Amino acid sequence: ETFSNRLLIGSALYPSPKIMQQSIVAAGSQIVTVSLRRQNSVAAGEDFWQLIKDTGLTVLPNTAGCHSVKEVVTLAKMCREVFATDWIKLELIGDEYNLQPDPIALLEATEILLNDGF
């Protein structure tokens, strides 16, 4: 798939679902990142997913909030099933204080996923 815009925009931490949708559209991005792990309730989740679908953008699932290789691999496989894609943005928190990634563990998770057909 080819994109004319390199901007990836996230879907987390907006004051409301409607502001999230308006911000995503206004940014002019073609790709929006989403995390399965950060969805709170079923009712809010349904509204969230509908608003994301209504943007018409490509959805790039991510593994936000994971702290181990096992969590990243498990969530990536779940994302592959839910979103029917092998295209996943991998995130693995190495330092809880400043949320810096753990590059060594992330590389290990990437190797496992590549060997699994991602």
C-alpha atoms as a PDB file:
ATOM      1  CA  GLU A   1       0.000   0.000   0.000  1.00  0.00           C
ATOM      2  CA  THR A   2       1.240   3.487  -0.835  1.00  0.00           C
ATOM      3  CA  PHE A   3       0.596   6.646   1.165  1.00  0.00           C
ATOM      4  CA  SER A   4       1.188  10.263   0.176  1.00  0.00           C
ATOM      5  CA  ASN A   5       1.441  11.455   3.791  1.00  0.00           C
ATOM      6  CA  ARG A   6       3.919  10.118   6.365  1.00  0.00           C
ATOM      7  CA  LEU A   7       2.057  11.471   9.392  1.00  0.00           C
ATOM      8  CA  LEU A   8       0.786   8.794  11.771  1.00  0.00           C
ATOM      9  CA  ILE A   9      -1.756  10.100  14.259  1.00  0.00           C
ATOM     10  CA  GLY A  10      -2.705   8.381  17.490  1.00  0.00           C
ATOM     11  CA  SER A  11      -6.186   7.829  18.857  1.00  0.00           C
ATOM     12  CA  ALA A  12      -5.413   8.009  22.594  1.00  0.00           C
ATOM     13  CA  LEU A  13      -5.773  10.714  25.239  1.00  0.00           C
ATOM     14  CA  TYR A  14      -8.298  13.024  23.585  1.00  0.00           C
ATOM     15  CA  PRO A  15     -10.811  14.848  25.831  1.00  0.00           C
ATOM     16  CA  SER A  16     -13.729  13.163  24.048  1.00  0.00           C
ATOM     17  CA  PRO A  17     -14.352  10.688  21.215  1.00  0.00           C
ATOM     18  CA  LYS A  18     -15.785  13.432  18.991  1.00  0.00           C
ATOM     19  CA  ILE A  19     -12.735  15.670  19.482  1.00  0.00           C
ATOM     20  CA  MET A  20     -10.545  12.659  18.691  1.00  0.00           C
ATOM     21  CA  GLN A  21     -12.369  12.112  15.402  1.00  0.00           C
ATOM     22  CA  GLN A  22     -12.274  15.799  14.451  1.00  0.00           C
ATOM     23  CA  SER A  23      -8.560  16.050  15.292  1.00  0.00           C
ATOM     24  CA  ILE A  24      -7.671  12.953  13.304  1.00  0.00           C
ATOM     25  CA  VAL A  25      -9.512  14.220  10.231  1.00  0.00           C
ATOM     26  CA  ALA A  26      -8.122  17.776  10.581  1.00  0.00           C
ATOM     27  CA  ALA A  27      -4.537  16.461  10.778  1.00  0.00           C
ATOM     28  CA  GLY A  28      -4.730  15.235   7.202  1.00  0.00           C
ATOM     29  CA  SER A  29      -3.108  11.909   8.036  1.00  0.00           C
ATOM     30  CA  GLN A  30      -3.951   8.740   6.132  1.00  0.00           C
ATOM     31  CA  ILE A  31      -3.072   6.420   9.029  1.00  0.00           C
ATOM     32  CA  VAL A  32      -4.450   6.306  12.571  1.00  0.00           C
ATOM     33  CA  THR A  33      -2.894   4.159  15.309  1.00  0.00           C
ATOM     34  CA  VAL A  34      -5.126   2.322  17.776  1.00  0.00           C
ATOM     35  CA  SER A  35      -4.514   0.104  20.783  1.00  0.00           C
ATOM     36  CA  LEU A  36      -6.725  -2.819  21.770  1.00  0.00           C
ATOM     37  CA  ARG A  37      -5.292  -2.697  25.264  1.00  0.00           C
ATOM     38  CA  ARG A  38      -6.423   0.838  26.060  1.00  0.00           C
ATOM     39  CA  GLN A  39     -10.139   0.424  25.398  1.00  0.00           C
ATOM     40  CA  ASN A  40     -12.118   0.932  28.612  1.00  0.00           C
ATOM     41  CA  SER A  41     -15.748  -0.110  28.353  1.00  0.00           C
ATOM     42  CA  VAL A  42     -17.879  -1.914  25.814  1.00  0.00           C
ATOM     43  CA  ALA A  43     -20.212   1.041  25.273  1.00  0.00           C
ATOM     44  CA  ALA A  44     -17.368   3.540  24.915  1.00  0.00           C
ATOM     45  CA  GLY A  45     -15.475   1.039  22.776  1.00  0.00           C
ATOM     46  CA  GLU A  46     -18.315   0.660  20.291  1.00  0.00           C
ATOM     47  CA  ASP A  47     -18.542   4.439  19.893  1.00  0.00           C
ATOM     48  CA  PHE A  48     -14.762   4.645  19.570  1.00  0.00           C
ATOM     49  CA  TRP A  49     -14.558   2.036  16.807  1.00  0.00           C
ATOM     50  CA  GLN A  50     -17.404   3.598  14.851  1.00  0.00           C
ATOM     51  CA  LEU A  51     -15.742   7.018  14.998  1.00  0.00           C
ATOM     52  CA  ILE A  52     -12.457   5.485  13.807  1.00  0.00           C
ATOM     53  CA  LYS A  53     -14.234   3.712  10.928  1.00  0.00           C
ATOM     54  CA  ASP A  54     -16.006   6.929   9.965  1.00  0.00           C
ATOM     55  CA  THR A  55     -12.653   8.681   9.386  1.00  0.00           C
ATOM     56  CA  GLY A  56     -11.991   6.363   6.442  1.00  0.00           C
ATOM     57  CA  LEU A  57      -8.300   6.163   7.362  1.00  0.00           C
ATOM     58  CA  THR A  58      -6.061   3.116   7.399  1.00  0.00           C
ATOM     59  CA  VAL A  59      -5.961   1.670  10.919  1.00  0.00           C
ATOM     60  CA  LEU A  60      -2.537   0.731  12.280  1.00  0.00           C
ATOM     61  CA  PRO A  61      -2.975  -1.315  15.458  1.00  0.00           C
ATOM     62  CA  ASN A  62      -0.259  -1.038  18.095  1.00  0.00           C
ATOM     63  CA  THR A  63       0.973  -2.829  21.194  1.00  0.00           C
ATOM     64  CA  ALA A  64       0.885   0.213  23.494  1.00  0.00           C
ATOM     65  CA  GLY A  65       1.078  -0.574  27.189  1.00  0.00           C
ATOM     66  CA  CYS A  66       3.062  -3.807  26.875  1.00  0.00           C
ATOM     67  CA  HIS A  67       5.960  -4.418  29.269  1.00  0.00           C
ATOM     68  CA  SER A  68       7.330  -7.769  28.063  1.00  0.00           C
ATOM     69  CA  VAL A  69       8.160  -9.662  24.904  1.00  0.00           C
ATOM     70  CA  LYS A  70       5.371 -12.135  25.667  1.00  0.00           C
ATOM     71  CA  GLU A  71       2.802  -9.333  25.983  1.00  0.00           C
ATOM     72  CA  VAL A  72       3.902  -7.734  22.699  1.00  0.00           C
ATOM     73  CA  VAL A  73       3.767 -11.027  20.804  1.00  0.00           C
ATOM     74  CA  THR A  74       0.369 -11.958  22.259  1.00  0.00           C
ATOM     75  CA  LEU A  75      -1.184  -8.552  21.588  1.00  0.00           C
ATOM     76  CA  ALA A  76       0.299  -8.387  18.074  1.00  0.00           C
ATOM     77  CA  LYS A  77      -1.297 -11.751  17.276  1.00  0.00           C
ATOM     78  CA  MET A  78      -4.617 -10.512  18.654  1.00  0.00           C
ATOM     79  CA  CYS A  79      -4.328  -7.366  16.523  1.00  0.00           C
ATOM     80  CA  ARG A  80      -3.629  -9.483  13.457  1.00  0.00           C
ATOM     81  CA  GLU A  81      -6.859 -11.411  14.053  1.00  0.00           C
ATOM     82  CA  VAL A  82      -9.051  -8.426  14.935  1.00  0.00           C
ATOM     83  CA  PHE A  83      -7.809  -6.101  12.183  1.00  0.00           C
ATOM     84  CA  ALA A  84      -6.922  -8.740   9.557  1.00  0.00           C
ATOM     85  CA  THR A  85      -3.454  -7.263   9.042  1.00  0.00           C
ATOM     86  CA  ASP A  86       0.183  -8.166   9.585  1.00  0.00           C
ATOM     87  CA  TRP A  87       1.015  -4.469   9.754  1.00  0.00           C
ATOM     88  CA  ILE A  88       1.424  -3.704  13.484  1.00  0.00           C
ATOM     89  CA  LYS A  89       3.194  -0.832  15.269  1.00  0.00           C
ATOM     90  CA  LEU A  90       5.221  -2.503  18.020  1.00  0.00           C
ATOM     91  CA  GLU A  91       5.656  -0.766  21.371  1.00  0.00           C
ATOM     92  CA  LEU A  92       7.320  -2.216  24.470  1.00  0.00           C
ATOM     93  CA  ILE A  93       7.806  -0.090  27.589  1.00  0.00           C
ATOM     94  CA  GLY A  94      11.218  -0.553  29.176  1.00  0.00           C
ATOM     95  CA  ASP A  95      11.106   2.221  31.758  1.00  0.00           C
ATOM     96  CA  GLU A  96       7.797   2.924  33.497  1.00  0.00           C
ATOM     97  CA  TYR A  97       8.990   6.295  34.823  1.00  0.00           C
ATOM     98  CA  ASN A  98       9.624   7.958  31.462  1.00  0.00           C
ATOM     99  CA  LEU A  99       7.989   5.344  29.183  1.00  0.00           C
ATOM    100  CA  GLN A 100      11.175   4.816  27.187  1.00  0.00           C
ATOM    101  CA  PRO A 101      11.112   1.684  25.022  1.00  0.00           C
ATOM    102  CA  ASP A 102      13.246  -1.390  25.617  1.00  0.00           C
ATOM    103  CA  PRO A 103      15.003  -1.726  22.239  1.00  0.00           C
ATOM    104  CA  ILE A 104      16.588  -5.115  22.997  1.00  0.00           C
ATOM    105  CA  ALA A 105      13.285  -6.704  24.042  1.00  0.00           C
ATOM    106  CA  LEU A 106      11.527  -5.001  21.129  1.00  0.00           C
ATOM    107  CA  LEU A 107      14.029  -6.544  18.720  1.00  0.00           C
ATOM    108  CA  GLU A 108      13.420  -9.955  20.309  1.00  0.00           C
ATOM    109  CA  ALA A 109       9.642  -9.564  19.904  1.00  0.00           C
ATOM    110  CA  THR A 110      10.118  -8.443  16.303  1.00  0.00           C
ATOM    111  CA  GLU A 111      12.200 -11.530  15.514  1.00  0.00           C
ATOM    112  CA  ILE A 112       9.536 -13.828  17.008  1.00  0.00           C
ATOM    113  CA  LEU A 113       6.774 -12.123  15.021  1.00  0.00           C
ATOM    114  CA  LEU A 114       8.747 -12.203  11.768  1.00  0.00           C
ATOM    115  CA  ASN A 115       9.271 -15.938  12.241  1.00  0.00           C
ATOM    116  CA  ASP A 116       5.503 -16.202  12.765  1.00  0.00           C
ATOM    117  CA  GLY A 117       4.727 -14.682   9.374  1.00  0.00           C
ATOM    118  CA  PHE A 118       4.335 -10.998  10.154  1.00  0.00           C
END
